[in-house]
Amino acid sequence: MFNVRLVLTLLNINGLGRKTINKILKYELPTNLEATTILHFLNKCKFNIKRNAQINMENIIEAKNKCEEIIKQCETSNIKIISILDDTFPKKLKVIDDNPILIYYKGDLECINNNKSIAIIGTRTPTIEGEKIAYEYSKILSKKGFVIVSGLALGCDTFAHRGCLDMNNQTVAVMPCGLNIIYPRSNKTLYESIINNNGCVISEYAPNQEPYKNQFIERDRLESALSTGVIVVETSINSGTMHTVNFTIKQNKLLACYVPDEKYKYKNSLEGNFQLLKNKKVYPLHNIKALNEFVLMIEEKMKFENVNDAKEEYYQMTFMI
């Protein structure tokens, strides 16, 4: 727990944000968690710390106390914590821009490390057709061995998780709040089913942290990061789904979008679909055949990434020798 306590303490020091901590963790780390040691460490890294003058012994002691409170709360709520300094921290989250440095989770972390994963996302107010598509696509992909990633929200997310669970497959829910706060509350049973079925719920946020608008956007980057491909079922133009779409493109993930019936062309909750489908980089999902073709694209991308990972590991081992 040394790594977790160090990162969690740093996160609770006023003036230190995730991006700054990402930078200073690349330096030689302190060997203990005494307040004087941490202050000395931060002073060595002060050129990377904004508002460094505000960081003093009192700040660090307060942060250490807050750290212990959070760890105690996690133990009470059966929430596990992993830091970017730990070997088991998911690689898929390490390599993105503005990567998380601490993850809270409940369930099986291994399903997060599974490279065969697809996110299914969309509006909270889908049409009946959209509900069916999210559910059926999830079942089909689960049968093919894919872990389904989504956000536990009402609507498309809910049906995506359900389709996966009905196939007795693992699914991952990325939360915008502390894991002892189930959001939305109406999905409490779904939340528990995900964990009980060897799936995983994860969050960047400590217990008791309520969901705020910016946290939904931050959460969206993790949804795409955990997935090789992302499927948009239904979305409006200004929906939060579009944030995930933007992260998907930025992270060089494959993106597909369901093609609605033309009768929905002017329906607000599907206007985003028609806009996305104008982009040639977005793969149109007209039917099950198109979904299977998208799966083949994802599998080819996975092979390419696996080869590159093997090469990287070989070069690292050669260099170490």
Protein backbone atom coordinates (compact mmCIF):
# COMPACT_ATOMS: atom_id res chain seq x y z
CA MET A 1 0.00 0.00 0.00
CA PHE A 2 3.03 2.30 0.05
CA ASN A 3 2.48 3.40 -3.55
CA VAL A 4 -1.23 3.98 -2.99
CA ARG A 5 -0.60 6.01 0.17
CA LEU A 6 2.03 8.14 -1.57
CA VAL A 7 -0.14 8.95 -4.58
CA LEU A 8 -3.27 9.44 -2.49
CA THR A 9 -1.43 11.81 -0.15
CA LEU A 10 -0.15 13.84 -3.10
CA LEU A 11 -3.65 14.02 -4.57
CA ASN A 12 -4.92 15.54 -1.33
CA ILE A 13 -2.34 18.34 -1.20
CA ASN A 14 -3.76 21.67 -2.31
CA GLY A 15 -1.92 22.91 -5.37
CA LEU A 16 -1.18 19.46 -6.79
CA GLY A 17 -3.32 18.13 -9.61
CA ARG A 18 -3.29 14.90 -11.55
CA LYS A 19 -1.16 16.24 -14.40
CA THR A 20 1.45 17.70 -12.05
CA ILE A 21 1.65 14.52 -10.00
CA ASN A 22 2.09 12.51 -13.21
CA LYS A 23 5.21 14.58 -13.88
CA ILE A 24 6.77 14.46 -10.43
CA LEU A 25 6.25 10.70 -10.07
CA LYS A 26 8.90 10.27 -12.74
CA TYR A 27 11.53 11.52 -10.30
CA GLU A 28 13.24 9.48 -7.60
CA LEU A 29 10.46 8.78 -5.14
CA PRO A 30 10.63 9.18 -1.36
CA THR A 31 11.50 6.05 0.60
CA ASN A 32 9.03 6.71 3.40
CA LEU A 33 5.85 8.68 4.02
CA GLU A 34 7.05 10.99 6.78
CA ALA A 35 5.75 14.51 6.23
CA THR A 36 9.29 15.94 6.26
CA THR A 37 10.38 13.40 3.59
CA ILE A 38 7.45 14.24 1.34
CA LEU A 39 8.07 17.98 1.73
CA HIS A 40 11.73 17.49 0.83
CA PHE A 41 10.67 15.44 -2.21
CA LEU A 42 8.25 18.15 -3.37
CA ASN A 43 10.85 20.86 -2.89
CA LYS A 44 13.18 18.97 -5.23
CA CYS A 45 10.38 18.90 -7.81
CA LYS A 46 9.15 22.44 -7.20
CA PHE A 47 9.77 23.60 -10.77
CA ASN A 48 6.93 21.24 -11.78
CA ILE A 49 4.53 22.33 -9.06
CA LYS A 50 2.16 25.26 -9.41
CA ARG A 51 1.57 27.45 -6.34
CA ASN A 52 4.37 25.63 -4.54
CA ALA A 53 4.53 28.33 -1.88
CA GLN A 54 1.24 27.01 -0.46
CA ILE A 55 2.69 23.57 0.22
CA ASN A 56 4.03 23.24 3.75
CA MET A 57 4.18 20.71 6.58
CA GLU A 58 0.63 21.49 7.70
CA ASN A 59 -0.71 20.82 4.17
CA ILE A 60 1.11 17.49 4.00
CA ILE A 61 -0.03 16.33 7.44
CA GLU A 62 -3.63 17.18 6.53
CA ALA A 63 -3.23 15.27 3.25
CA LYS A 64 -1.81 12.23 5.05
CA ASN A 65 -4.75 12.24 7.46
CA LYS A 66 -7.20 12.53 4.56
CA CYS A 67 -5.39 9.66 2.84
CA GLU A 68 -5.89 7.40 5.87
CA GLU A 69 -9.57 8.40 6.12
CA ILE A 70 -10.11 7.42 2.48
CA ILE A 71 -8.31 4.09 2.90
CA LYS A 72 -10.42 3.31 5.98
CA GLN A 73 -13.59 4.19 4.06
CA CYS A 74 -12.50 1.93 1.19
CA GLU A 75 -11.94 -0.95 3.60
CA THR A 76 -15.40 -0.39 5.08
CA SER A 77 -17.01 -0.32 1.62
CA ASN A 78 -14.92 -3.21 0.20
CA ILE A 79 -13.34 -0.89 -2.38
CA LYS A 80 -9.83 -1.66 -3.60
CA ILE A 81 -7.28 0.93 -4.74
CA ILE A 82 -4.44 0.71 -7.23
CA SER A 83 -1.92 3.39 -8.20
CA ILE A 84 -0.04 4.05 -11.41
CA LEU A 85 3.14 3.04 -9.56
CA ASP A 86 1.83 -0.52 -9.17
CA ASP A 87 2.77 -3.17 -11.73
CA THR A 88 -0.85 -4.31 -12.03
CA PHE A 89 -2.18 -0.86 -12.94
CA PRO A 90 -4.01 -1.30 -16.30
CA LYS A 91 -1.68 -0.46 -19.17
CA LYS A 92 -4.60 0.81 -21.25
CA LEU A 93 -5.06 3.61 -18.73
CA LYS A 94 -1.35 4.42 -18.44
CA VAL A 95 -0.81 5.25 -22.10
CA ILE A 96 -3.52 7.88 -22.68
CA ASP A 97 -3.09 11.63 -22.42
CA ASP A 98 -4.08 12.95 -19.00
CA ASN A 99 -3.92 9.42 -17.62
CA PRO A 100 -5.37 8.59 -14.21
CA ILE A 101 -2.90 8.02 -11.39
CA LEU A 102 -5.20 6.25 -8.97
CA ILE A 103 -8.11 3.88 -9.59
CA TYR A 104 -10.73 2.66 -7.16
CA TYR A 105 -12.47 -0.57 -8.09
CA LYS A 106 -14.81 -3.32 -7.00
CA GLY A 107 -14.86 -6.71 -8.70
CA ASP A 108 -12.38 -8.45 -10.98
CA LEU A 109 -9.62 -6.11 -12.21
CA GLU A 110 -8.52 -8.71 -14.78
CA CYS A 111 -11.50 -7.99 -17.01
CA ILE A 112 -10.20 -4.42 -17.32
CA ASN A 113 -6.86 -5.74 -18.56
CA ASN A 114 -8.63 -7.85 -21.19
CA ASN A 115 -7.72 -6.36 -24.58
CA LYS A 116 -10.84 -7.84 -26.15
CA SER A 117 -13.24 -5.10 -25.08
CA ILE A 118 -15.82 -2.87 -26.75
CA ALA A 119 -17.68 0.11 -25.32
CA ILE A 120 -21.39 0.46 -26.07
CA ILE A 121 -22.67 3.92 -25.25
CA GLY A 122 -25.52 6.29 -25.99
CA THR A 123 -28.30 8.53 -24.79
CA ARG A 124 -30.16 8.13 -21.51
CA THR A 125 -33.45 8.44 -23.43
CA PRO A 126 -33.19 6.02 -26.36
CA THR A 127 -36.03 4.90 -28.58
CA ILE A 128 -37.36 1.37 -28.10
CA GLU A 129 -35.27 0.46 -31.14
CA GLY A 130 -32.18 1.94 -29.47
CA GLU A 131 -32.78 -0.10 -26.32
CA LYS A 132 -33.05 -3.23 -28.43
CA ILE A 133 -29.88 -2.45 -30.40
CA ALA A 134 -27.80 -1.80 -27.25
CA TYR A 135 -29.05 -5.03 -25.70
CA GLU A 136 -28.73 -7.26 -28.78
CA TYR A 137 -25.33 -5.90 -29.85
CA SER A 138 -24.07 -6.50 -26.33
CA LYS A 139 -25.31 -10.10 -26.39
CA ILE A 140 -23.72 -10.76 -29.80
CA LEU A 141 -20.39 -9.26 -28.78
CA SER A 142 -20.44 -11.07 -25.44
CA LYS A 143 -20.95 -14.36 -27.27
CA LYS A 144 -17.79 -13.53 -29.24
CA GLY A 145 -15.89 -13.13 -25.97
CA PHE A 146 -15.77 -9.33 -25.72
CA VAL A 147 -15.91 -7.54 -22.39
CA ILE A 148 -18.54 -4.79 -22.65
CA VAL A 149 -17.61 -1.36 -21.28
CA SER A 150 -20.17 1.32 -20.45
CA GLY A 151 -21.10 3.87 -17.80
CA LEU A 152 -24.06 2.42 -15.84
CA ALA A 153 -26.21 5.39 -16.95
CA LEU A 154 -29.87 4.96 -17.73
CA GLY A 155 -30.81 4.16 -21.31
CA CYS A 156 -28.25 2.70 -23.71
CA ASP A 157 -25.65 1.99 -21.01
CA THR A 158 -28.14 0.03 -18.93
CA PHE A 159 -29.24 -2.15 -21.84
CA ALA A 160 -25.63 -2.75 -22.89
CA HIS A 161 -24.73 -4.00 -19.40
CA ARG A 162 -27.88 -6.13 -19.23
CA GLY A 163 -27.24 -7.79 -22.58
CA CYS A 164 -23.77 -8.75 -21.42
CA LEU A 165 -24.95 -10.07 -18.06
CA ASP A 166 -27.70 -12.12 -19.70
CA MET A 167 -24.91 -13.91 -21.60
CA ASN A 168 -23.13 -14.48 -18.28
CA ASN A 169 -20.24 -12.37 -19.52
CA GLN A 170 -18.04 -9.78 -17.83
CA THR A 171 -18.88 -6.11 -18.16
CA VAL A 172 -17.14 -2.98 -16.87
CA ALA A 173 -18.91 0.12 -15.56
CA VAL A 174 -16.89 3.34 -15.35
CA MET A 175 -18.33 5.64 -12.70
CA PRO A 176 -18.23 9.46 -12.35
CA CYS A 177 -18.34 9.34 -8.54
CA GLY A 178 -17.17 7.44 -5.48
CA LEU A 179 -17.94 3.73 -5.64
CA ASN A 180 -20.01 3.78 -2.46
CA ILE A 181 -22.40 6.10 -4.32
CA ILE A 182 -24.40 4.22 -6.94
CA TYR A 183 -25.35 6.60 -9.73
CA PRO A 184 -28.08 6.45 -10.78
CA ARG A 185 -29.52 4.92 -7.63
CA SER A 186 -32.13 3.04 -9.67
CA ASN A 187 -29.32 0.90 -11.13
CA LYS A 188 -28.28 -0.49 -7.73
CA THR A 189 -29.26 -4.05 -8.70
CA LEU A 190 -27.41 -3.75 -12.01
CA TYR A 191 -24.33 -2.41 -10.19
CA GLU A 192 -24.32 -5.39 -7.84
CA SER A 193 -24.93 -7.85 -10.69
CA ILE A 194 -21.87 -6.57 -12.56
CA ILE A 195 -19.65 -7.22 -9.54
CA ASN A 196 -21.24 -10.57 -8.70
CA ASN A 197 -20.71 -11.76 -12.29
CA ASN A 198 -16.92 -11.20 -12.11
CA GLY A 199 -17.20 -7.85 -13.83
CA CYS A 200 -15.77 -4.61 -12.48
CA VAL A 201 -16.86 -1.11 -11.53
CA ILE A 202 -14.11 1.51 -11.48
CA SER A 203 -13.68 5.18 -10.68
CA GLU A 204 -11.01 7.84 -10.23
CA TYR A 205 -12.95 9.32 -7.34
CA ALA A 206 -12.69 8.59 -3.64
CA PRO A 207 -15.64 7.27 -1.62
CA ASN A 208 -18.38 9.83 -0.86
CA GLN A 209 -17.43 11.94 -3.90
CA GLU A 210 -20.71 12.99 -5.52
CA PRO A 211 -20.90 13.13 -9.33
CA TYR A 212 -20.30 16.56 -10.89
CA LYS A 213 -20.48 17.64 -14.52
CA ASN A 214 -16.73 17.70 -15.18
CA GLN A 215 -16.40 14.22 -13.68
CA PHE A 216 -18.71 12.78 -16.32
CA ILE A 217 -16.40 14.18 -19.01
CA GLU A 218 -13.32 12.84 -17.23
CA ARG A 219 -15.02 9.47 -16.93
CA ASP A 220 -15.67 9.40 -20.68
CA ARG A 221 -11.95 9.34 -21.51
CA LEU A 222 -11.59 6.15 -19.44
CA GLU A 223 -14.50 4.44 -21.21
CA SER A 224 -12.77 4.80 -24.56
CA ALA A 225 -9.34 4.04 -23.10
CA LEU A 226 -10.51 0.67 -21.82
CA SER A 227 -11.94 -0.29 -25.21
CA THR A 228 -10.42 -1.29 -28.53
CA GLY A 229 -13.56 -0.06 -30.27
CA VAL A 230 -16.55 2.10 -29.36
CA ILE A 231 -20.14 1.72 -30.60
CA VAL A 232 -22.56 4.65 -30.43
CA VAL A 233 -26.17 3.46 -30.35
CA GLU A 234 -28.12 6.72 -30.20
CA THR A 235 -26.98 10.22 -29.33
CA SER A 236 -28.00 13.85 -29.60
CA ILE A 237 -25.51 16.38 -30.93
CA ASN A 238 -24.78 17.90 -27.52
CA SER A 239 -24.94 14.66 -25.55
CA GLY A 240 -22.23 13.52 -23.15
CA THR A 241 -21.79 10.61 -25.54
CA MET A 242 -20.05 13.03 -27.88
CA HIS A 243 -17.32 13.55 -25.29
CA THR A 244 -16.60 9.83 -25.41
CA VAL A 245 -16.63 10.02 -29.21
CA ASN A 246 -14.02 12.79 -29.16
CA PHE A 247 -11.81 10.82 -26.78
CA THR A 248 -12.24 7.73 -28.97
CA ILE A 249 -10.92 9.59 -32.00
CA LYS A 250 -8.12 11.25 -30.02
CA GLN A 251 -7.02 7.87 -28.61
CA ASN A 252 -7.02 6.31 -32.07
CA LYS A 253 -9.72 3.78 -31.26
CA LEU A 254 -12.13 2.34 -33.81
CA LEU A 255 -15.52 4.05 -33.82
CA ALA A 256 -18.84 2.74 -35.12
CA CYS A 257 -22.33 4.20 -35.06
CA TYR A 258 -25.73 2.62 -35.48
CA VAL A 259 -27.61 3.82 -38.59
CA PRO A 260 -31.16 4.79 -37.55
CA ASP A 261 -34.20 4.75 -39.76
CA GLU A 262 -34.58 7.96 -41.77
CA LYS A 263 -37.84 8.66 -39.93
CA TYR A 264 -35.70 9.62 -36.92
CA LYS A 265 -33.61 12.14 -38.86
CA TYR A 266 -35.01 15.10 -36.95
CA LYS A 267 -35.41 13.41 -33.58
CA ASN A 268 -33.20 15.21 -31.07
CA SER A 269 -31.86 12.07 -29.40
CA LEU A 270 -30.60 10.72 -32.75
CA GLU A 271 -29.34 13.85 -34.51
CA GLY A 272 -25.86 13.01 -33.33
CA ASN A 273 -25.98 9.69 -35.19
CA PHE A 274 -26.64 11.37 -38.51
CA GLN A 275 -23.88 13.89 -37.86
CA LEU A 276 -21.36 11.18 -36.93
CA LEU A 277 -22.20 9.08 -39.95
CA LYS A 278 -21.02 11.90 -42.22
CA ASN A 279 -17.49 11.22 -40.93
CA LYS A 280 -15.80 8.60 -43.10
CA LYS A 281 -13.78 7.40 -40.10
CA VAL A 282 -16.99 6.32 -38.38
CA TYR A 283 -18.05 2.81 -39.38
CA PRO A 284 -21.81 2.61 -40.12
CA LEU A 285 -23.71 -0.21 -38.46
CA HIS A 286 -26.67 -0.92 -40.72
CA ASN A 287 -27.23 -4.48 -39.55
CA ILE A 288 -25.68 -7.54 -37.87
CA LYS A 289 -23.47 -8.18 -40.91
CA ALA A 290 -21.93 -4.72 -40.49
CA LEU A 291 -21.44 -5.40 -36.77
CA ASN A 292 -19.55 -8.60 -37.59
CA GLU A 293 -17.38 -6.68 -40.06
CA PHE A 294 -16.61 -4.11 -37.36
CA VAL A 295 -15.60 -6.95 -35.04
CA LEU A 296 -13.14 -8.20 -37.69
CA MET A 297 -11.64 -4.70 -37.85
CA ILE A 298 -11.23 -4.68 -34.08
CA GLU A 299 -9.61 -8.11 -34.08
CA GLU A 300 -7.14 -6.99 -36.75
CA LYS A 301 -6.30 -3.92 -34.68
CA MET A 302 -5.77 -6.14 -31.64
CA LYS A 303 -3.35 -8.37 -33.57
CA PHE A 304 -1.38 -5.32 -34.68
CA GLU A 305 -1.23 -3.93 -31.14
CA ASN A 306 -0.23 -7.31 -29.70
CA VAL A 307 2.66 -7.57 -32.18
CA ASN A 308 3.83 -4.07 -31.26
CA ASP A 309 3.55 -4.88 -27.55
CA ALA A 310 5.65 -8.01 -28.07
CA LYS A 311 8.29 -5.99 -29.92
CA GLU A 312 8.35 -3.38 -27.16
CA GLU A 313 8.74 -6.06 -24.50
CA TYR A 314 11.57 -7.68 -26.49
CA TYR A 315 13.45 -4.38 -26.85
CA GLN A 316 13.00 -3.64 -23.14
CA MET A 317 14.36 -7.06 -22.18
CA THR A 318 17.29 -6.70 -24.60
CA PHE A 319 18.09 -3.26 -23.22
CA MET A 320 17.96 -4.58 -19.64
CA ILE A 321 20.35 -7.39 -20.55
